[in-house]
PDB file of N, CA and C in Angstrom:
ATOM      1  N   MET A   1       0.818  -1.195   0.007  1.00  0.00           N
ATOM      2  CA  MET A   1      -0.028   0.000  -0.014  1.00  0.00           C
ATOM      3  C   MET A   1       0.878   1.255  -0.010  1.00  0.00           C
ATOM      4  N   GLY A   2       2.021   1.182   0.565  1.00  0.00           N
ATOM      5  CA  GLY A   2       2.865   2.321   0.690  1.00  0.00           C
ATOM      6  C   GLY A   2       3.297   2.901  -0.617  1.00  0.00           C
ATOM      7  N   ASP A   3       3.657   2.039  -1.577  1.00  0.00           N
ATOM      8  CA  ASP A   3       4.068   2.468  -2.900  1.00  0.00           C
ATOM      9  C   ASP A   3       2.896   3.128  -3.636  1.00  0.00           C
ATOM     10  N   SER A   4       1.702   2.518  -3.539  1.00  0.00           N
ATOM     11  CA  SER A   4       0.501   3.096  -4.168  1.00  0.00           C
ATOM     12  C   SER A   4       0.194   4.488  -3.595  1.00  0.00           C
ATOM     13  N   TYR A   5       0.352   4.578  -2.293  1.00  0.00           N
ATOM     14  CA  TYR A   5       0.127   5.883  -1.636  1.00  0.00           C
ATOM     15  C   TYR A   5       1.080   6.943  -2.193  1.00  0.00           C
ATOM     16  N   LYS A   6       2.346   6.623  -2.203  1.00  0.00           N
ATOM     17  CA  LYS A   6       3.393   7.569  -2.665  1.00  0.00           C
ATOM     18  C   LYS A   6       3.136   7.979  -4.127  1.00  0.00           C
ATOM     19  N   GLU A   7       2.775   7.018  -4.976  1.00  0.00           N
ATOM     20  CA  GLU A   7       2.478   7.373  -6.347  1.00  0.00           C
ATOM     21  C   GLU A   7       1.284   8.309  -6.456  1.00  0.00           C
ATOM     22  N   LEU A   8       0.251   8.066  -5.676  1.00  0.00           N
ATOM     23  CA  LEU A   8      -0.918   8.917  -5.649  1.00  0.00           C
ATOM     24  C   LEU A   8      -0.533  10.274  -5.142  1.00  0.00           C
ATOM     25  N   GLN A   9       0.207  10.334  -4.099  1.00  0.00           N
ATOM     26  CA  GLN A   9       0.670  11.599  -3.550  1.00  0.00           C
ATOM     27  C   GLN A   9       1.392  12.437  -4.597  1.00  0.00           C
ATOM     28  N   ILE A  10       2.276  11.867  -5.306  1.00  0.00           N
ATOM     29  CA  ILE A  10       2.995  12.599  -6.342  1.00  0.00           C
ATOM     30  C   ILE A  10       2.088  13.070  -7.444  1.00  0.00           C
ATOM     31  N   GLN A  11       1.126  12.256  -7.860  1.00  0.00           N
ATOM     32  CA  GLN A  11       0.179  12.635  -8.879  1.00  0.00           C
ATOM     33  C   GLN A  11      -0.683  13.836  -8.405  1.00  0.00           C
ATOM     34  N   VAL A  12      -1.208  13.746  -7.172  1.00  0.00           N
ATOM     35  CA  VAL A  12      -2.068  14.800  -6.647  1.00  0.00           C
ATOM     36  C   VAL A  12      -1.296  16.102  -6.455  1.00  0.00           C
ATOM     37  N   ASP A  13      -0.039  15.975  -6.020  1.00  0.00           N
ATOM     38  CA  ASP A  13       0.754  17.186  -5.888  1.00  0.00           C
ATOM     39  C   ASP A  13       0.948  17.916  -7.228  1.00  0.00           C
ATOM     40  N   GLY A  14       0.920  17.161  -8.333  1.00  0.00           N
ATOM     41  CA  GLY A  14       1.123  17.742  -9.653  1.00  0.00           C
ATOM     42  C   GLY A  14      -0.150  18.239 -10.327  1.00  0.00           C
ATOM     43  N   LEU A  15      -1.299  18.067  -9.726  1.00  0.00           N
ATOM     44  CA  LEU A  15      -2.543  18.512 -10.288  1.00  0.00           C
ATOM     45  C   LEU A  15      -2.729  20.013 -10.125  1.00  0.00           C
ATOM     46  N   SER A  16      -3.354  20.585 -11.156  1.00  0.00           N
ATOM     47  CA  SER A  16      -3.695  21.993 -11.134  1.00  0.00           C
ATOM     48  C   SER A  16      -5.066  22.230 -11.692  1.00  0.00           C
ATOM     49  N   CYS A  17      -5.847  23.059 -10.961  1.00  0.00           N
ATOM     50  CA  CYS A  17      -7.198  23.392 -11.424  1.00  0.00           C
ATOM     51  C   CYS A  17      -7.215  24.416 -12.558  1.00  0.00           C
ATOM     52  N   LYS A  18      -6.047  25.023 -12.788  1.00  0.00           N
ATOM     53  CA  LYS A  18      -5.950  25.934 -13.936  1.00  0.00           C
ATOM     54  C   LYS A  18      -5.963  25.203 -15.229  1.00  0.00           C
ATOM     55  N   GLU A  19      -5.550  23.911 -15.163  1.00  0.00           N
ATOM     56  CA  GLU A  19      -5.447  23.128 -16.364  1.00  0.00           C
ATOM     57  C   GLU A  19      -5.969  21.714 -16.122  1.00  0.00           C
ATOM     58  N   ILE A  20      -7.314  21.606 -16.131  1.00  0.00           N
ATOM     59  CA  ILE A  20      -7.944  20.294 -15.869  1.00  0.00           C
ATOM     60  C   ILE A  20      -7.790  19.460 -17.152  1.00  0.00           C
ATOM     61  N   ASN A  21      -7.225  18.272 -16.984  1.00  0.00           N
ATOM     62  CA  ASN A  21      -6.983  17.396 -18.106  1.00  0.00           C
ATOM     63  C   ASN A  21      -7.084  15.956 -17.596  1.00  0.00           C
ATOM     64  N   GLY A  22      -6.645  15.043 -18.418  1.00  0.00           N
ATOM     65  CA  GLY A  22      -6.737  13.615 -18.084  1.00  0.00           C
ATOM     66  C   GLY A  22      -6.006  13.192 -16.859  1.00  0.00           C
ATOM     67  N   THR A  23      -5.077  14.044 -16.353  1.00  0.00           N
ATOM     68  CA  THR A  23      -4.305  13.635 -15.192  1.00  0.00           C
ATOM     69  C   THR A  23      -5.201  13.483 -13.914  1.00  0.00           C
ATOM     70  N   PHE A  24      -6.290  14.250 -13.888  1.00  0.00           N
ATOM     71  CA  PHE A  24      -7.256  14.064 -12.758  1.00  0.00           C
ATOM     72  C   PHE A  24      -7.887  12.683 -12.828  1.00  0.00           C
ATOM     73  N   ASP A  25      -8.214  12.245 -14.051  1.00  0.00           N
ATOM     74  CA  ASP A  25      -8.826  10.918 -14.193  1.00  0.00           C
ATOM     75  C   ASP A  25      -7.861   9.801 -13.793  1.00  0.00           C
ATOM     76  N   ILE A  26      -6.593   9.975 -14.164  1.00  0.00           N
ATOM     77  CA  ILE A  26      -5.548   8.988 -13.819  1.00  0.00           C
ATOM     78  C   ILE A  26      -5.417   8.932 -12.283  1.00  0.00           C
ATOM     79  N   ALA A  27      -5.328  10.085 -11.648  1.00  0.00           N
ATOM     80  CA  ALA A  27      -5.221  10.133 -10.181  1.00  0.00           C
ATOM     81  C   ALA A  27      -6.416   9.529  -9.514  1.00  0.00           C
ATOM     82  N   ALA A  28      -7.613   9.831 -10.041  1.00  0.00           N
ATOM     83  CA  ALA A  28      -8.825   9.252  -9.448  1.00  0.00           C
ATOM     84  C   ALA A  28      -8.866   7.757  -9.617  1.00  0.00           C
ATOM     85  N   PHE A  29      -8.365   7.231 -10.739  1.00  0.00           N
ATOM     86  CA  PHE A  29      -8.308   5.803 -10.923  1.00  0.00           C
ATOM     87  C   PHE A  29      -7.341   5.152  -9.935  1.00  0.00           C
ATOM     88  N   ASP A  30      -6.173   5.770  -9.788  1.00  0.00           N
ATOM     89  CA  ASP A  30      -5.232   5.229  -8.833  1.00  0.00           C
ATOM     90  C   ASP A  30      -5.739   5.284  -7.399  1.00  0.00           C
ATOM     91  N   ALA A  31      -6.505   6.359  -7.067  1.00  0.00           N
ATOM     92  CA  ALA A  31      -7.134   6.431  -5.780  1.00  0.00           C
ATOM     93  C   ALA A  31      -8.151   5.298  -5.618  1.00  0.00           C
ATOM     94  N   LYS A  32      -8.860   5.039  -6.673  1.00  0.00           N
ATOM     95  CA  LYS A  32      -9.826   3.919  -6.600  1.00  0.00           C
ATOM     96  C   LYS A  32      -9.143   2.582  -6.324  1.00  0.00           C
ATOM     97  N   LYS A  33      -8.036   2.375  -6.956  1.00  0.00           N
ATOM     98  CA  LYS A  33      -7.264   1.111  -6.728  1.00  0.00           C
ATOM     99  C   LYS A  33      -6.834   1.016  -5.292  1.00  0.00           C
ATOM    100  N   LEU A  34      -6.342   2.170  -4.797  1.00  0.00           N
ATOM    101  CA  LEU A  34      -5.894   2.181  -3.381  1.00  0.00           C
ATOM    102  C   LEU A  34      -7.082   1.985  -2.396  1.00  0.00           C
ATOM    103  N   ALA A  35      -8.230   2.577  -2.771  1.00  0.00           N
ATOM    104  CA  ALA A  35      -9.452   2.436  -1.954  1.00  0.00           C
ATOM    105  C   ALA A  35      -9.915   0.986  -1.964  1.00  0.00           C
ATOM    106  N   GLU A  36      -9.910   0.348  -3.078  1.00  0.00           N
ATOM    107  CA  GLU A  36     -10.337  -1.063  -3.163  1.00  0.00           C
ATOM    108  C   GLU A  36      -9.417  -1.980  -2.328  1.00  0.00           C
ATOM    109  N   TYR A  37      -8.111  -1.706  -2.410  1.00  0.00           N
ATOM    110  CA  TYR A  37      -7.170  -2.491  -1.670  1.00  0.00           C
ATOM    111  C   TYR A  37      -7.329  -2.274  -0.181  1.00  0.00           C
ATOM    112  N   SER A  38      -7.578  -1.000   0.262  1.00  0.00           N
ATOM    113  CA  SER A  38      -7.746  -0.773   1.645  1.00  0.00           C
ATOM    114  C   SER A  38      -9.047  -1.376   2.192  1.00  0.00           C
ATOM    115  N   LYS A  39     -10.066  -1.452   1.350  1.00  0.00           N
ATOM    116  CA  LYS A  39     -11.302  -2.140   1.780  1.00  0.00           C
ATOM    117  C   LYS A  39     -11.053  -3.631   1.900  1.00  0.00           C
ATOM    118  N   PHE A  40     -10.317  -4.175   0.930  1.00  0.00           N
ATOM    119  CA  PHE A  40      -9.998  -5.601   0.959  1.00  0.00           C
ATOM    120  C   PHE A  40      -9.240  -5.971   2.258  1.00  0.00           C
ATOM    121  N   ARG A  41      -8.383  -5.032   2.683  1.00  0.00           N
ATOM    122  CA  ARG A  41      -7.598  -5.247   3.923  1.00  0.00           C
ATOM    123  C   ARG A  41      -8.381  -4.861   5.171  1.00  0.00           C
ATOM    124  N   SER A  42      -9.590  -4.392   5.030  1.00  0.00           N
ATOM    125  CA  SER A  42     -10.438  -3.887   6.104  1.00  0.00           C
ATOM    126  C   SER A  42      -9.627  -2.832   6.952  1.00  0.00           C
ATOM    127  N   ASP A  43      -8.931  -1.977   6.186  1.00  0.00           N
ATOM    128  CA  ASP A  43      -8.174  -0.939   6.842  1.00  0.00           C
ATOM    129  C   ASP A  43      -9.107   0.157   7.420  1.00  0.00           C
ATOM    130  N   PRO A  44      -8.805   0.667   8.547  1.00  0.00           N
ATOM    131  CA  PRO A  44      -9.599   1.748   9.174  1.00  0.00           C
ATOM    132  C   PRO A  44      -9.716   2.972   8.322  1.00  0.00           C
ATOM    133  N   GLN A  45      -8.747   3.187   7.414  1.00  0.00           N
ATOM    134  CA  GLN A  45      -8.745   4.388   6.570  1.00  0.00           C
ATOM    135  C   GLN A  45      -9.454   4.183   5.232  1.00  0.00           C
ATOM    136  N   SER A  46     -10.137   3.072   5.054  1.00  0.00           N
ATOM    137  CA  SER A  46     -10.720   2.802   3.739  1.00  0.00           C
ATOM    138  C   SER A  46     -11.740   3.819   3.304  1.00  0.00           C
ATOM    139  N   ASP A  47     -12.573   4.261   4.236  1.00  0.00           N
ATOM    140  CA  ASP A  47     -13.583   5.301   3.873  1.00  0.00           C
ATOM    141  C   ASP A  47     -12.855   6.621   3.541  1.00  0.00           C
ATOM    142  N   ASN A  48     -11.819   7.019   4.190  1.00  0.00           N
ATOM    143  CA  ASN A  48     -11.073   8.163   3.872  1.00  0.00           C
ATOM    144  C   ASN A  48     -10.478   8.061   2.485  1.00  0.00           C
ATOM    145  N   VAL A  49      -9.861   6.920   2.164  1.00  0.00           N
ATOM    146  CA  VAL A  49      -9.239   6.719   0.891  1.00  0.00           C
ATOM    147  C   VAL A  49     -10.258   6.752  -0.201  1.00  0.00           C
ATOM    148  N   SER A  50     -11.455   6.205  -0.013  1.00  0.00           N
ATOM    149  CA  SER A  50     -12.543   6.283  -0.956  1.00  0.00           C
ATOM    150  C   SER A  50     -12.968   7.742  -1.193  1.00  0.00           C
ATOM    151  N   SER A  51     -12.926   8.517  -0.189  1.00  0.00           N
ATOM    152  CA  SER A  51     -13.283   9.929  -0.307  1.00  0.00           C
ATOM    153  C   SER A  51     -12.253  10.665  -1.140  1.00  0.00           C
ATOM    154  N   ILE A  52     -11.027  10.295  -1.091  1.00  0.00           N
ATOM    155  CA  ILE A  52     -10.015  10.904  -2.002  1.00  0.00           C
ATOM    156  C   ILE A  52     -10.413  10.737  -3.433  1.00  0.00           C
ATOM    157  N   GLN A  53     -10.819   9.556  -3.777  1.00  0.00           N
ATOM    158  CA  GLN A  53     -11.246   9.256  -5.194  1.00  0.00           C
ATOM    159  C   GLN A  53     -12.439  10.168  -5.495  1.00  0.00           C
ATOM    160  N   THR A  54     -13.413  10.234  -4.663  1.00  0.00           N
ATOM    161  CA  THR A  54     -14.596  11.124  -4.903  1.00  0.00           C
ATOM    162  C   THR A  54     -14.196  12.568  -5.040  1.00  0.00           C
ATOM    163  N   ASN A  55     -13.352  13.045  -4.145  1.00  0.00           N
ATOM    164  CA  ASN A  55     -12.938  14.443  -4.246  1.00  0.00           C
ATOM    165  C   ASN A  55     -12.196  14.734  -5.585  1.00  0.00           C
ATOM    166  N   LEU A  56     -11.366  13.819  -6.055  1.00  0.00           N
ATOM    167  CA  LEU A  56     -10.697  14.030  -7.286  1.00  0.00           C
ATOM    168  C   LEU A  56     -11.634  14.033  -8.446  1.00  0.00           C
ATOM    169  N   GLU A  57     -12.621  13.110  -8.467  1.00  0.00           N
ATOM    170  CA  GLU A  57     -13.602  13.100  -9.491  1.00  0.00           C
ATOM    171  C   GLU A  57     -14.425  14.390  -9.535  1.00  0.00           C
ATOM    172  N   LYS A  58     -14.820  14.877  -8.374  1.00  0.00           N
ATOM    173  CA  LYS A  58     -15.566  16.141  -8.303  1.00  0.00           C
ATOM    174  C   LYS A  58     -14.703  17.308  -8.751  1.00  0.00           C
ATOM    175  N   ALA A  59     -13.434  17.312  -8.395  1.00  0.00           N
ATOM    176  CA  ALA A  59     -12.531  18.374  -8.831  1.00  0.00           C
ATOM    177  C   ALA A  59     -12.430  18.377 -10.333  1.00  0.00           C
ATOM    178  N   SER A  60     -12.315  17.194 -10.916  1.00  0.00           N
ATOM    179  CA  SER A  60     -12.171  17.069 -12.364  1.00  0.00           C
ATOM    180  C   SER A  60     -13.431  17.571 -13.130  1.00  0.00           C
ATOM    181  N   SER A  61     -14.596  17.378 -12.590  1.00  0.00           N
ATOM    182  CA  SER A  61     -15.832  17.752 -13.265  1.00  0.00           C
ATOM    183  C   SER A  61     -16.332  19.125 -12.833  1.00  0.00           C
ATOM    184  N   ALA A  62     -15.624  19.826 -11.974  1.00  0.00           N
ATOM    185  CA  ALA A  62     -16.064  21.133 -11.519  1.00  0.00           C
ATOM    186  C   ALA A  62     -16.106  22.111 -12.635  1.00  0.00           C
ATOM    187  N   LYS A  63     -17.120  22.983 -12.588  1.00  0.00           N
ATOM    188  CA  LYS A  63     -17.290  23.997 -13.644  1.00  0.00           C
ATOM    189  C   LYS A  63     -16.428  25.208 -13.439  1.00  0.00           C
ATOM    190  N   SER A  64     -16.010  25.436 -12.186  1.00  0.00           N
ATOM    191  CA  SER A  64     -15.154  26.608 -11.962  1.00  0.00           C
ATOM    192  C   SER A  64     -13.847  26.179 -11.266  1.00  0.00           C
ATOM    193  N   PRO A  65     -12.792  26.921 -11.495  1.00  0.00           N
ATOM    194  CA  PRO A  65     -11.525  26.601 -10.847  1.00  0.00           C
ATOM    195  C   PRO A  65     -11.594  26.692  -9.335  1.00  0.00           C
ATOM    196  N   ALA A  66     -12.429  27.572  -8.793  1.00  0.00           N
ATOM    197  CA  ALA A  66     -12.514  27.705  -7.341  1.00  0.00           C
ATOM    198  C   ALA A  66     -13.128  26.452  -6.722  1.00  0.00           C
ATOM    199  N   VAL A  67     -14.111  25.876  -7.338  1.00  0.00           N
ATOM    200  CA  VAL A  67     -14.730  24.658  -6.822  1.00  0.00           C
ATOM    201  C   VAL A  67     -13.715  23.514  -6.979  1.00  0.00           C
ATOM    202  N   CYS A  68     -13.057  23.460  -8.101  1.00  0.00           N
ATOM    203  CA  CYS A  68     -12.031  22.449  -8.302  1.00  0.00           C
ATOM    204  C   CYS A  68     -10.955  22.539  -7.224  1.00  0.00           C
ATOM    205  N   ASP A  69     -10.522  23.734  -6.950  1.00  0.00           N
ATOM    206  CA  ASP A  69      -9.469  23.940  -5.918  1.00  0.00           C
ATOM    207  C   ASP A  69      -9.952  23.425  -4.558  1.00  0.00           C
ATOM    208  N   ASN A  70     -11.199  23.676  -4.230  1.00  0.00           N
ATOM    209  CA  ASN A  70     -11.736  23.195  -2.928  1.00  0.00           C
ATOM    210  C   ASN A  70     -11.680  21.680  -2.827  1.00  0.00           C
ATOM    211  N   TYR A  71     -12.111  20.986  -3.886  1.00  0.00           N
ATOM    212  CA  TYR A  71     -12.068  19.547  -3.866  1.00  0.00           C
ATOM    213  C   TYR A  71     -10.654  19.012  -3.886  1.00  0.00           C
ATOM    214  N   LEU A  72      -9.766  19.692  -4.587  1.00  0.00           N
ATOM    215  CA  LEU A  72      -8.389  19.264  -4.621  1.00  0.00           C
ATOM    216  C   LEU A  72      -7.750  19.463  -3.225  1.00  0.00           C
ATOM    217  N   LYS A  73      -8.082  20.520  -2.569  1.00  0.00           N
ATOM    218  CA  LYS A  73      -7.559  20.734  -1.201  1.00  0.00           C
ATOM    219  C   LYS A  73      -8.030  19.647  -0.237  1.00  0.00           C
ATOM    220  N   LEU A  74      -9.338  19.216  -0.405  1.00  0.00           N
ATOM    221  CA  LEU A  74      -9.840  18.132   0.393  1.00  0.00           C
ATOM    222  C   LEU A  74      -9.111  16.846   0.165  1.00  0.00           C
ATOM    223  N   ALA A  75      -8.841  16.584  -1.116  1.00  0.00           N
ATOM    224  CA  ALA A  75      -8.094  15.365  -1.424  1.00  0.00           C
ATOM    225  C   ALA A  75      -6.729  15.372  -0.797  1.00  0.00           C
ATOM    226  N   LYS A  76      -6.044  16.499  -0.898  1.00  0.00           N
ATOM    227  CA  LYS A  76      -4.738  16.638  -0.304  1.00  0.00           C
ATOM    228  C   LYS A  76      -4.758  16.489   1.223  1.00  0.00           C
ATOM    229  N   LEU A  77      -5.755  17.085   1.821  1.00  0.00           N
ATOM    230  CA  LEU A  77      -5.927  16.950   3.319  1.00  0.00           C
ATOM    231  C   LEU A  77      -6.136  15.483   3.697  1.00  0.00           C
ATOM    232  N   ARG A  78      -6.989  14.797   2.963  1.00  0.00           N
ATOM    233  CA  ARG A  78      -7.256  13.388   3.231  1.00  0.00           C
ATOM    234  C   ARG A  78      -5.992  12.552   3.070  1.00  0.00           C
ATOM    235  N   LEU A  79      -5.197  12.883   2.100  1.00  0.00           N
ATOM    236  CA  LEU A  79      -3.941  12.198   1.888  1.00  0.00           C
ATOM    237  C   LEU A  79      -2.972  12.385   3.075  1.00  0.00           C
ATOM    238  N   GLN A  80      -2.997  13.624   3.649  1.00  0.00           N
ATOM    239  CA  GLN A  80      -2.201  13.850   4.882  1.00  0.00           C
ATOM    240  C   GLN A  80      -2.696  12.971   5.997  1.00  0.00           C
ATOM    241  N   VAL A  81      -3.992  12.854   6.158  1.00  0.00           N
ATOM    242  CA  VAL A  81      -4.570  11.991   7.190  1.00  0.00           C
ATOM    243  C   VAL A  81      -4.084  10.512   6.998  1.00  0.00           C
ATOM    244  N   VAL A  82      -4.158  10.043   5.751  1.00  0.00           N
ATOM    245  CA  VAL A  82      -3.687   8.725   5.499  1.00  0.00           C
ATOM    246  C   VAL A  82      -2.248   8.521   5.828  1.00  0.00           C
ATOM    247  N   ARG A  83      -1.473   9.562   5.425  1.00  0.00           N
ATOM    248  CA  ARG A  83      -0.026   9.453   5.707  1.00  0.00           C
ATOM    249  C   ARG A  83       0.248   9.365   7.220  1.00  0.00           C
ATOM    250  N   GLN A  84      -0.473  10.137   8.022  1.00  0.00           N
ATOM    251  CA  GLN A  84      -0.309  10.030   9.497  1.00  0.00           C
ATOM    252  C   GLN A  84      -0.761   8.711  10.026  1.00  0.00           C
ATOM    253  N   ALA A  85      -1.846   8.177   9.443  1.00  0.00           N
ATOM    254  CA  ALA A  85      -2.346   6.900   9.980  1.00  0.00           C
ATOM    255  C   ALA A  85      -1.500   5.743   9.522  1.00  0.00           C
ATOM    256  N   TRP A  86      -0.940   5.808   8.298  1.00  0.00           N
ATOM    257  CA  TRP A  86      -0.160   4.676   7.760  1.00  0.00           C
ATOM    258  C   TRP A  86       1.333   4.834   8.020  1.00  0.00           C
ATOM    259  N   GLY A  87       1.758   5.987   8.489  1.00  0.00           N
ATOM    260  CA  GLY A  87       3.158   6.315   8.586  1.00  0.00           C
ATOM    261  C   GLY A  87       3.988   5.193   9.225  1.00  0.00           C
ATOM    262  N   GLY A  88       3.583   4.652  10.326  1.00  0.00           N
ATOM    263  CA  GLY A  88       4.290   3.589  11.018  1.00  0.00           C
ATOM    264  C   GLY A  88       4.115   2.206  10.463  1.00  0.00           C
ATOM    265  N   ARG A  89       3.061   2.072   9.639  1.00  0.00           N
ATOM    266  CA  ARG A  89       2.762   0.730   9.141  1.00  0.00           C
ATOM    267  C   ARG A  89       3.259   0.452   7.736  1.00  0.00           C
ATOM    268  N   PHE A  90       3.064   1.419   6.809  1.00  0.00           N
ATOM    269  CA  PHE A  90       3.283   1.138   5.424  1.00  0.00           C
ATOM    270  C   PHE A  90       4.308   2.037   4.765  1.00  0.00           C
ATOM    271  N   LEU A  91       4.459   3.239   5.257  1.00  0.00           N
ATOM    272  CA  LEU A  91       5.268   4.243   4.539  1.00  0.00           C
ATOM    273  C   LEU A  91       6.670   4.306   5.043  1.00  0.00           C
TER     274      LEU A  91
END
């Protein structure tokens, strides 16, 4: 899970609401894979990881950059929570 988290973190850090393109879809797909794996493992963070996917999808489909930024900030915040929770176990 640690490698998947790090890859997702790098992707999310590179996203910009000024230029919404296919990279949001790729990041959302990778978040979905991580969410499915965390559910499979019955990880306590599985709901949080699923929300990262949802936030990225909403950011991608947002009509305004301000709304996109809000969802992107939520995804980044959730990634920080995951990092704190998984820090001693996977990362």
